[in-house]
Amino acid sequence: MSKDTKHICISDYNYSLPDERIAKFPLAERDQSKLLLYKHGEVSEDTFYNLPEHLPLGALMVFNNTKVIQARMHFRKETGALIEVFLMEPAEPTDYELMFQTNHECAWLCMVGNLKKWKEGTLKRAFEIKGNRLTLTATMNRSKMQEQAGGTNHWINFEWDNTNVSFAEILEAVGELPIPPYLNRATEESDKKTYQTVYSKIKGSVAAPTAGLHFTDRVLKALDEHGIDREELTLHVGAGTFKPVKSREIEGHSMHTEFIVVRRQTLEKLLAHDCRAIAVGTTSVRTLESLYYMGVKLVLDPESTEKDLHVNQWEPYDLPHNADGLVEVDGRVITAEESIRHLLAYLDKDGFEMLHSSTQIIIAPGYSYKIIKALVTNFHQPQSTLLLLVSAFVKGGNWHKIYDYALSHGFRFLSYGDSSLLIP
């Protein structure tokens, strides 16, 4: 693992992306998108529908089953000012499932649009859900905000006067799906379907894991017929995924925290596949690679708690590694298998079926991948942390070759754009 990673200049990861190459809407048929193939340094193309034919028989493929919530809410003040409240992560309760079941009050950390017009007071919005009248109020908790100092999110308390209605139902009724800012358009009714993967299940994201948007039921069926072992995990994608790197060197960029849930069964499947996996999307990558470092923490300190397992941004780079990129402490090399076994033992100790944790991992050139052997991903913004992740995977500046091909062969870019299969 390179200590020089922190000093990467983000300007080295720039390329010219004309606006007309950004897909504003998806194709009518998801699996008819183009598929760029990068195999051992060679670039070619196919249609996404044929993806299973390009994968090794019997491989393990891991998907992120998070579901995008309608996280944008608008309130109009009596003065006429329109305030946008964008839910970022649950504050009370912090558990996503419990949050969506609340039926009177809850609190979120939120970004607030037109903040200068909301200095004080309570925002109100009255509406009806399935014949139930209710008024939703939003109040900023400034004392809690000071506790959260340093972030751009605001602690907002929500209350409503009808216990027959859950917060999940409120979002369904009055929330808007937050499509990416670079689409430069309003959310349309069709986005509610097209900006979700066909296998999305667990509510919590404010951005879609977009590599998964190309999959259809028939492609999933073809994967099964091809003997591909499919597993799902959950990483709730934050709006920070779109946060541009503004510092000259990436050391100055602060990664957002993302919450992950991994089933015991998924850890067992990883072991059965020698801890080698094909990741669908950068969110699956960040989860699987974070698992290695969570296991390392347990190897080094078996008394680690759930809170201790959180992977900080630069932790993977600050630990001593051997020539193969594995953590080595006092002559002891910690393999991916040992790491995953420690996570399973951690679950066994308390009889848990799921691992709940969080990660801020940044993956950039100099990082050595432990678990990911192939990656399905879209084409990312210039100077983004996602492009750094891809560059680290294909190594040696080969991202240029891939992106030059995509730009010169009519590929569509970003969330609703085309896809790639990368096998270094």
Protein backbone atom coordinates (compact mmCIF):
# COMPACT_ATOMS: atom_id res chain seq x y z
CA MET A 1 0.00 0.00 0.00
CA SER A 2 1.56 3.27 -1.09
CA LYS A 3 2.11 6.13 1.33
CA ASP A 4 2.22 8.34 -1.78
CA THR A 5 -1.50 7.79 -2.37
CA LYS A 6 -2.39 10.77 -0.17
CA HIS A 7 -0.35 13.02 -2.47
CA ILE A 8 -2.11 12.08 -5.70
CA CYS A 9 -3.06 15.24 -7.64
CA ILE A 10 -6.70 15.01 -8.61
CA SER A 11 -5.97 17.00 -11.80
CA ASP A 12 -4.19 13.87 -13.10
CA TYR A 13 -7.63 12.21 -13.20
CA ASN A 14 -9.31 14.75 -15.43
CA TYR A 15 -10.72 14.19 -18.90
CA SER A 16 -13.01 16.14 -21.19
CA LEU A 17 -16.64 15.02 -20.85
CA PRO A 18 -18.95 16.87 -23.27
CA ASP A 19 -22.44 17.47 -21.88
CA GLU A 20 -24.04 15.56 -24.77
CA ARG A 21 -22.24 12.38 -23.61
CA ILE A 22 -24.01 12.45 -20.22
CA ALA A 23 -27.09 10.24 -20.45
CA LYS A 24 -30.04 12.31 -19.20
CA PHE A 25 -32.44 9.35 -19.37
CA PRO A 26 -31.96 5.57 -19.41
CA LEU A 27 -32.57 3.37 -22.45
CA ALA A 28 -36.06 1.89 -22.81
CA GLU A 29 -34.56 -1.60 -22.30
CA ARG A 30 -32.01 -1.59 -19.46
CA ASP A 31 -30.00 -4.57 -20.70
CA GLN A 32 -29.57 -3.16 -24.24
CA SER A 33 -26.96 -0.69 -23.03
CA LYS A 34 -23.44 -0.98 -24.41
CA LEU A 35 -20.89 -3.00 -22.44
CA LEU A 36 -17.21 -2.10 -22.64
CA LEU A 37 -14.98 -5.11 -22.01
CA TYR A 38 -11.53 -4.58 -20.52
CA LYS A 39 -9.80 -7.95 -20.21
CA HIS A 40 -6.10 -8.18 -19.34
CA GLY A 41 -5.32 -4.88 -21.04
CA GLU A 42 -7.45 -5.40 -24.19
CA VAL A 43 -10.55 -3.29 -24.86
CA SER A 44 -13.60 -4.38 -26.88
CA GLU A 45 -17.37 -4.03 -26.63
CA ASP A 46 -20.63 -5.96 -26.54
CA THR A 47 -24.22 -5.51 -25.36
CA PHE A 48 -24.90 -5.71 -21.62
CA TYR A 49 -27.41 -8.51 -22.21
CA ASN A 50 -24.45 -10.78 -23.05
CA LEU A 51 -22.59 -10.06 -19.79
CA PRO A 52 -22.91 -13.65 -18.42
CA GLU A 53 -20.94 -15.00 -21.40
CA HIS A 54 -17.92 -12.94 -20.34
CA LEU A 55 -17.80 -14.17 -16.73
CA PRO A 56 -15.92 -17.21 -15.41
CA LEU A 57 -18.19 -20.17 -14.70
CA GLY A 58 -19.07 -20.64 -11.05
CA ALA A 59 -17.79 -17.23 -9.93
CA LEU A 60 -19.34 -15.29 -7.02
CA MET A 61 -21.05 -12.02 -8.02
CA VAL A 62 -22.00 -9.52 -5.33
CA PHE A 63 -24.81 -6.94 -5.68
CA ASN A 64 -25.82 -3.98 -3.49
CA ASN A 65 -29.55 -4.34 -2.76
CA THR A 66 -30.07 -0.86 -1.29
CA LYS A 67 -33.19 1.04 -2.34
CA VAL A 68 -33.24 4.78 -3.05
CA ILE A 69 -35.64 6.71 -0.82
CA GLN A 70 -37.63 9.79 -1.84
CA ALA A 71 -35.28 11.88 0.25
CA ARG A 72 -36.09 15.40 -0.94
CA MET A 73 -38.93 17.26 0.81
CA HIS A 74 -40.14 20.78 0.14
CA PHE A 75 -41.79 23.12 2.62
CA ARG A 76 -43.19 26.56 1.81
CA LYS A 77 -42.90 29.19 4.54
CA GLU A 78 -45.70 31.67 5.18
CA THR A 79 -43.42 34.28 3.57
CA GLY A 80 -43.56 32.21 0.35
CA ALA A 81 -39.93 31.06 0.57
CA LEU A 82 -39.42 27.45 -0.60
CA ILE A 83 -37.14 25.40 1.67
CA GLU A 84 -35.74 22.05 0.54
CA VAL A 85 -34.88 19.47 3.20
CA PHE A 86 -32.73 16.63 1.84
CA LEU A 87 -32.51 13.61 4.17
CA MET A 88 -28.93 12.34 4.43
CA GLU A 89 -28.81 9.86 7.30
CA PRO A 90 -31.04 8.89 10.24
CA ALA A 91 -30.22 10.56 13.57
CA GLU A 92 -32.93 9.29 15.97
CA PRO A 93 -33.40 6.37 15.65
CA THR A 94 -30.14 5.67 13.75
CA ASP A 95 -31.33 2.26 12.52
CA TYR A 96 -32.85 2.60 9.04
CA GLU A 97 -35.51 -0.06 9.52
CA LEU A 98 -36.71 1.41 12.82
CA MET A 99 -36.62 4.89 11.30
CA PHE A 100 -39.06 4.06 8.52
CA GLN A 101 -41.45 2.45 11.03
CA THR A 102 -41.67 5.53 13.32
CA ASN A 103 -45.24 6.85 13.57
CA HIS A 104 -45.03 10.18 15.40
CA GLU A 105 -41.54 11.69 15.38
CA CYS A 106 -37.97 11.14 14.21
CA ALA A 107 -34.80 13.10 13.41
CA TRP A 108 -32.48 13.13 10.41
CA LEU A 109 -29.20 14.78 9.47
CA CYS A 110 -30.16 16.82 6.41
CA MET A 111 -28.82 19.21 3.82
CA VAL A 112 -31.00 22.30 3.63
CA GLY A 113 -31.62 24.27 0.45
CA ASN A 114 -32.36 28.02 0.77
CA LEU A 115 -31.06 27.86 4.34
CA LYS A 116 -30.67 31.64 4.58
CA LYS A 117 -34.47 31.96 4.42
CA TRP A 118 -34.93 29.56 7.36
CA LYS A 119 -33.26 31.26 10.31
CA GLU A 120 -35.78 30.11 12.91
CA GLY A 121 -39.24 28.68 13.46
CA THR A 122 -40.97 25.50 12.36
CA LEU A 123 -41.78 24.46 8.80
CA LYS A 124 -45.21 22.91 8.24
CA ARG A 125 -46.83 20.89 5.51
CA ALA A 126 -50.41 19.50 5.57
CA PHE A 127 -51.50 16.64 3.31
CA GLU A 128 -53.52 13.43 3.14
CA ILE A 129 -52.35 9.81 2.96
CA LYS A 130 -54.92 7.08 2.24
CA GLY A 131 -57.68 9.16 3.75
CA ASN A 132 -55.59 10.15 6.80
CA ARG A 133 -55.14 13.92 7.25
CA LEU A 134 -51.92 15.01 8.90
CA THR A 135 -49.55 17.94 9.37
CA LEU A 136 -45.81 17.33 9.19
CA THR A 137 -43.52 19.79 10.97
CA ALA A 138 -39.75 20.22 10.61
CA THR A 139 -37.68 21.99 13.28
CA MET A 140 -33.94 22.60 13.27
CA ASN A 141 -32.22 21.49 16.47
CA ARG A 142 -29.34 23.94 16.76
CA SER A 143 -27.89 22.47 19.98
CA LYS A 144 -27.57 19.06 18.28
CA MET A 145 -26.01 20.76 15.29
CA GLN A 146 -23.19 22.12 17.44
CA GLU A 147 -22.49 18.54 18.59
CA GLN A 148 -22.22 17.62 14.90
CA ALA A 149 -19.82 20.53 14.26
CA GLY A 150 -17.71 20.34 11.14
CA GLY A 151 -20.28 18.71 8.89
CA THR A 152 -22.57 20.41 6.38
CA ASN A 153 -25.64 18.51 7.61
CA HIS A 154 -28.27 19.95 9.94
CA TRP A 155 -30.16 18.04 12.64
CA ILE A 156 -33.87 18.26 11.77
CA ASN A 157 -36.65 16.99 14.04
CA PHE A 158 -39.81 15.82 12.25
CA GLU A 159 -43.18 15.41 13.96
CA TRP A 160 -46.61 14.50 12.62
CA ASP A 161 -50.02 14.32 14.25
CA ASN A 162 -51.33 10.97 13.02
CA THR A 163 -49.97 7.73 14.49
CA ASN A 164 -51.67 5.68 11.75
CA VAL A 165 -49.01 6.91 9.34
CA SER A 166 -45.35 5.80 9.29
CA PHE A 167 -42.42 7.95 8.18
CA ALA A 168 -41.94 5.58 5.22
CA GLU A 169 -45.50 6.42 4.05
CA ILE A 170 -44.83 10.14 4.46
CA LEU A 171 -41.79 9.93 2.19
CA GLU A 172 -43.76 7.90 -0.38
CA ALA A 173 -46.45 10.59 -0.38
CA VAL A 174 -44.52 13.86 -0.34
CA GLY A 175 -40.83 13.01 -0.88
CA GLU A 176 -39.10 13.31 -4.25
CA LEU A 177 -36.56 10.86 -5.62
CA PRO A 178 -33.14 12.60 -5.64
CA ILE A 179 -31.70 12.00 -9.10
CA PRO A 180 -28.05 13.07 -9.60
CA PRO A 181 -27.38 16.83 -9.78
CA TYR A 182 -25.45 16.51 -13.06
CA LEU A 183 -28.59 15.43 -14.94
CA ASN A 184 -29.68 19.09 -14.72
CA ARG A 185 -33.37 18.27 -14.81
CA ALA A 186 -36.32 17.75 -12.49
CA THR A 187 -37.23 14.27 -11.26
CA GLU A 188 -39.89 12.65 -13.45
CA GLU A 189 -42.42 9.98 -12.51
CA SER A 190 -40.50 7.44 -14.65
CA ASP A 191 -37.38 7.92 -12.49
CA LYS A 192 -39.16 6.26 -9.56
CA LYS A 193 -38.79 3.01 -11.47
CA THR A 194 -35.75 3.52 -13.69
CA TYR A 195 -33.52 4.93 -10.89
CA GLN A 196 -33.92 1.72 -8.85
CA THR A 197 -32.25 -1.62 -9.53
CA VAL A 198 -34.66 -4.50 -10.21
CA TYR A 199 -33.30 -6.21 -7.07
CA SER A 200 -33.49 -3.18 -4.72
CA LYS A 201 -34.97 -4.15 -1.33
CA ILE A 202 -33.56 -2.27 1.66
CA LYS A 203 -34.56 1.42 1.89
CA GLY A 204 -31.87 3.92 2.80
CA SER A 205 -29.89 5.34 -0.14
CA VAL A 206 -30.10 8.86 -1.51
CA ALA A 207 -28.35 7.79 -4.73
CA ALA A 208 -28.68 4.58 -6.72
CA PRO A 209 -25.87 2.00 -7.01
CA THR A 210 -25.99 2.74 -10.73
CA ALA A 211 -23.91 -0.18 -12.05
CA GLY A 212 -26.90 -2.32 -11.13
CA LEU A 213 -29.35 -0.34 -13.25
CA HIS A 214 -28.46 -2.42 -16.35
CA PHE A 215 -29.57 -5.73 -14.86
CA THR A 216 -32.95 -7.17 -15.81
CA ASP A 217 -34.70 -10.30 -14.58
CA ARG A 218 -33.62 -12.08 -17.78
CA VAL A 219 -29.95 -11.18 -17.26
CA LEU A 220 -30.15 -12.39 -13.63
CA LYS A 221 -31.72 -15.64 -14.90
CA ALA A 222 -28.91 -16.00 -17.47
CA LEU A 223 -26.33 -15.53 -14.69
CA ASP A 224 -27.98 -18.36 -12.73
CA GLU A 225 -27.96 -20.58 -15.82
CA HIS A 226 -24.27 -19.73 -16.27
CA GLY A 227 -23.57 -21.08 -12.78
CA ILE A 228 -22.79 -17.67 -11.29
CA ASP A 229 -23.32 -17.61 -7.52
CA ARG A 230 -25.22 -14.41 -6.65
CA GLU A 231 -25.04 -12.71 -3.25
CA GLU A 232 -26.40 -9.40 -1.98
CA LEU A 233 -25.18 -6.95 0.63
CA THR A 234 -26.38 -3.50 1.61
CA LEU A 235 -24.47 -0.23 1.50
CA HIS A 236 -26.65 2.85 1.78
CA VAL A 237 -25.25 5.32 -0.75
CA GLY A 238 -24.90 8.89 0.49
CA ALA A 239 -24.99 12.10 -1.55
CA GLY A 240 -21.28 12.33 -0.78
CA THR A 241 -20.76 9.93 -3.70
CA PHE A 242 -21.22 13.02 -5.95
CA LYS A 243 -19.02 15.26 -3.78
CA PRO A 244 -16.28 16.69 -6.01
CA VAL A 245 -12.66 16.55 -4.90
CA LYS A 246 -11.83 20.23 -4.39
CA SER A 247 -8.39 19.88 -2.82
CA ARG A 248 -5.30 19.74 -5.07
CA GLU A 249 -4.11 16.52 -3.44
CA ILE A 250 -6.62 13.85 -2.39
CA GLU A 251 -5.33 13.98 1.20
CA GLY A 252 -7.45 17.12 1.59
CA HIS A 253 -10.68 15.34 0.55
CA SER A 254 -12.94 14.05 3.30
CA MET A 255 -14.85 10.84 2.47
CA HIS A 256 -18.44 10.50 3.71
CA THR A 257 -19.50 7.67 6.02
CA GLU A 258 -21.68 4.95 4.51
CA PHE A 259 -23.57 2.30 6.45
CA ILE A 260 -23.27 -1.35 5.51
CA VAL A 261 -25.09 -4.57 6.37
CA VAL A 262 -23.61 -7.94 5.37
CA ARG A 263 -25.33 -11.26 6.04
CA ARG A 264 -23.50 -14.18 7.65
CA GLN A 265 -24.38 -16.21 4.54
CA THR A 266 -22.47 -13.74 2.34
CA LEU A 267 -19.33 -14.11 4.47
CA GLU A 268 -19.65 -17.91 4.21
CA LYS A 269 -20.05 -17.66 0.42
CA LEU A 270 -16.89 -15.52 0.24
CA LEU A 271 -14.94 -18.21 2.06
CA ALA A 272 -16.38 -20.90 -0.23
CA HIS A 273 -15.08 -18.86 -3.21
CA ASP A 274 -11.58 -18.35 -1.75
CA CYS A 275 -12.50 -14.74 -0.94
CA ARG A 276 -12.63 -13.84 -4.63
CA ALA A 277 -15.63 -11.94 -6.00
CA ILE A 278 -16.99 -10.00 -8.96
CA ALA A 279 -18.38 -6.73 -7.66
CA VAL A 280 -21.39 -5.01 -9.20
CA GLY A 281 -20.62 -1.34 -8.69
CA THR A 282 -18.20 0.73 -6.65
CA THR A 283 -20.46 0.51 -3.57
CA SER A 284 -20.08 -3.29 -3.51
CA VAL A 285 -16.32 -2.77 -3.93
CA ARG A 286 -16.11 -0.42 -0.95
CA THR A 287 -18.13 -2.82 1.20
CA LEU A 288 -16.18 -5.97 0.31
CA GLU A 289 -12.77 -4.32 0.61
CA SER A 290 -13.82 -2.74 3.94
CA LEU A 291 -14.69 -6.23 5.23
CA TYR A 292 -11.02 -7.19 4.96
CA TYR A 293 -9.98 -4.30 7.22
CA MET A 294 -12.82 -4.99 9.68
CA GLY A 295 -11.53 -8.54 10.00
CA VAL A 296 -7.97 -7.25 10.43
CA LYS A 297 -9.18 -5.17 13.42
CA LEU A 298 -10.60 -8.33 14.99
CA VAL A 299 -7.35 -10.24 14.37
CA LEU A 300 -5.37 -7.46 16.06
CA ASP A 301 -7.93 -6.91 18.85
CA PRO A 302 -10.50 -9.70 19.37
CA GLU A 303 -12.40 -7.43 21.82
CA SER A 304 -13.27 -4.91 19.06
CA THR A 305 -16.89 -3.72 19.17
CA GLU A 306 -19.23 -2.82 16.31
CA LYS A 307 -18.17 0.83 16.65
CA ASP A 308 -14.48 -0.18 16.49
CA LEU A 309 -15.04 -1.98 13.17
CA HIS A 310 -15.72 1.30 11.30
CA VAL A 311 -13.08 1.72 8.58
CA ASN A 312 -11.59 5.22 8.54
CA GLN A 313 -10.59 6.88 5.29
CA TRP A 314 -6.82 6.38 5.48
CA GLU A 315 -6.63 3.34 7.76
CA PRO A 316 -5.79 0.91 4.91
CA TYR A 317 -2.79 3.07 3.96
CA ASP A 318 -1.46 3.60 7.48
CA LEU A 319 -1.16 -0.12 8.34
CA PRO A 320 2.03 -2.04 7.44
CA HIS A 321 1.60 -4.25 4.34
CA ASN A 322 3.73 -6.89 2.64
CA ALA A 323 4.66 -7.00 -1.07
CA ASP A 324 1.30 -8.66 -1.89
CA GLY A 325 -0.64 -5.80 -0.30
CA LEU A 326 -1.76 -7.83 2.74
CA VAL A 327 -1.49 -6.43 6.26
CA GLU A 328 1.62 -7.77 8.02
CA VAL A 329 2.13 -7.17 11.73
CA ASP A 330 5.17 -8.57 13.62
CA GLY A 331 5.82 -11.02 10.78
CA ARG A 332 2.22 -12.25 10.74
CA VAL A 333 0.45 -11.88 7.37
CA ILE A 334 -3.33 -11.49 7.58
CA THR A 335 -4.99 -13.10 4.55
CA ALA A 336 -8.48 -12.32 3.29
CA GLU A 337 -9.61 -15.77 4.43
CA GLU A 338 -8.37 -15.22 7.99
CA SER A 339 -10.01 -11.80 8.06
CA ILE A 340 -13.42 -13.14 6.96
CA ARG A 341 -13.18 -16.06 9.43
CA HIS A 342 -12.69 -13.56 12.27
CA LEU A 343 -15.80 -11.67 11.15
CA LEU A 344 -17.79 -14.92 11.24
CA ALA A 345 -16.43 -15.70 14.72
CA TYR A 346 -17.44 -12.18 15.81
CA LEU A 347 -21.02 -12.85 14.64
CA ASP A 348 -21.06 -16.29 16.27
CA LYS A 349 -19.96 -14.88 19.62
CA ASP A 350 -23.22 -12.93 19.95
CA GLY A 351 -25.42 -15.12 17.77
CA PHE A 352 -25.81 -12.43 15.09
CA GLU A 353 -26.94 -13.21 11.53
CA MET A 354 -25.87 -9.84 10.13
CA LEU A 355 -22.83 -7.60 10.43
CA HIS A 356 -23.76 -3.93 10.84
CA SER A 357 -20.98 -1.40 10.41
CA SER A 358 -19.83 1.62 8.40
CA THR A 359 -16.96 2.70 6.18
CA GLN A 360 -15.21 5.82 4.93
CA ILE A 361 -12.67 3.92 2.86
CA ILE A 362 -11.08 5.77 -0.07
CA ILE A 363 -9.68 3.49 -2.76
CA ALA A 364 -7.11 5.16 -4.98
CA PRO A 365 -3.96 4.18 -6.94
CA GLY A 366 -1.54 2.56 -4.50
CA TYR A 367 -4.33 0.49 -2.94
CA SER A 368 -4.04 -3.31 -3.32
CA TYR A 369 -7.37 -5.10 -3.83
CA LYS A 370 -7.92 -8.07 -1.51
CA ILE A 371 -11.25 -9.56 -2.65
CA ILE A 372 -12.41 -7.98 -5.93
CA LYS A 373 -11.21 -9.82 -9.05
CA ALA A 374 -13.59 -8.27 -11.61
CA LEU A 375 -15.81 -5.18 -11.59
CA VAL A 376 -19.01 -4.15 -13.37
CA THR A 377 -19.26 -0.36 -13.31
CA ASN A 378 -20.48 2.70 -15.23
CA PHE A 379 -18.34 5.58 -16.52
CA HIS A 380 -17.61 8.12 -13.79
CA GLN A 381 -17.16 11.88 -13.55
CA PRO A 382 -13.73 13.42 -14.14
CA GLN A 383 -11.72 14.09 -10.96
CA SER A 384 -14.02 11.92 -8.83
CA THR A 385 -13.18 9.41 -6.07
CA LEU A 386 -15.01 6.78 -8.18
CA LEU A 387 -12.57 7.29 -11.05
CA LEU A 388 -9.70 6.92 -8.54
CA LEU A 389 -11.20 3.58 -7.45
CA VAL A 390 -11.37 2.34 -11.06
CA SER A 391 -7.83 3.54 -11.75
CA ALA A 392 -6.54 1.64 -8.71
CA PHE A 393 -8.26 -1.49 -10.03
CA VAL A 394 -6.98 -1.46 -13.63
CA LYS A 395 -3.57 -0.09 -12.58
CA GLY A 396 -0.85 1.72 -14.49
CA GLY A 397 -3.00 4.54 -15.85
CA ASN A 398 -5.07 2.11 -17.95
CA TRP A 399 -8.21 4.06 -17.10
CA HIS A 400 -7.12 6.45 -19.89
CA LYS A 401 -7.26 3.61 -22.43
CA ILE A 402 -10.74 2.58 -21.23
CA TYR A 403 -12.20 6.09 -21.15
CA ASP A 404 -10.61 7.11 -24.48
CA TYR A 405 -12.25 4.06 -26.07
CA ALA A 406 -15.62 4.84 -24.47
CA LEU A 407 -15.51 8.48 -25.63
CA SER A 408 -14.51 7.58 -29.20
CA HIS A 409 -17.04 4.73 -29.54
CA GLY A 410 -20.28 6.46 -28.59
CA PHE A 411 -20.65 5.23 -25.01
CA ARG A 412 -23.04 7.10 -22.73
CA PHE A 413 -21.66 8.34 -19.40
CA LEU A 414 -22.63 8.58 -15.70
CA SER A 415 -25.65 7.24 -13.81
CA TYR A 416 -28.00 6.48 -16.72
CA GLY A 417 -25.12 5.72 -19.10
CA ASP A 418 -23.53 2.53 -20.39
CA SER A 419 -21.57 -0.11 -18.51
CA SER A 420 -18.17 -1.80 -18.40
CA LEU A 421 -16.75 -5.12 -17.25
CA LEU A 422 -13.20 -4.71 -15.96
CA ILE A 423 -10.95 -7.77 -15.54
CA PRO A 424 -7.36 -6.62 -14.92
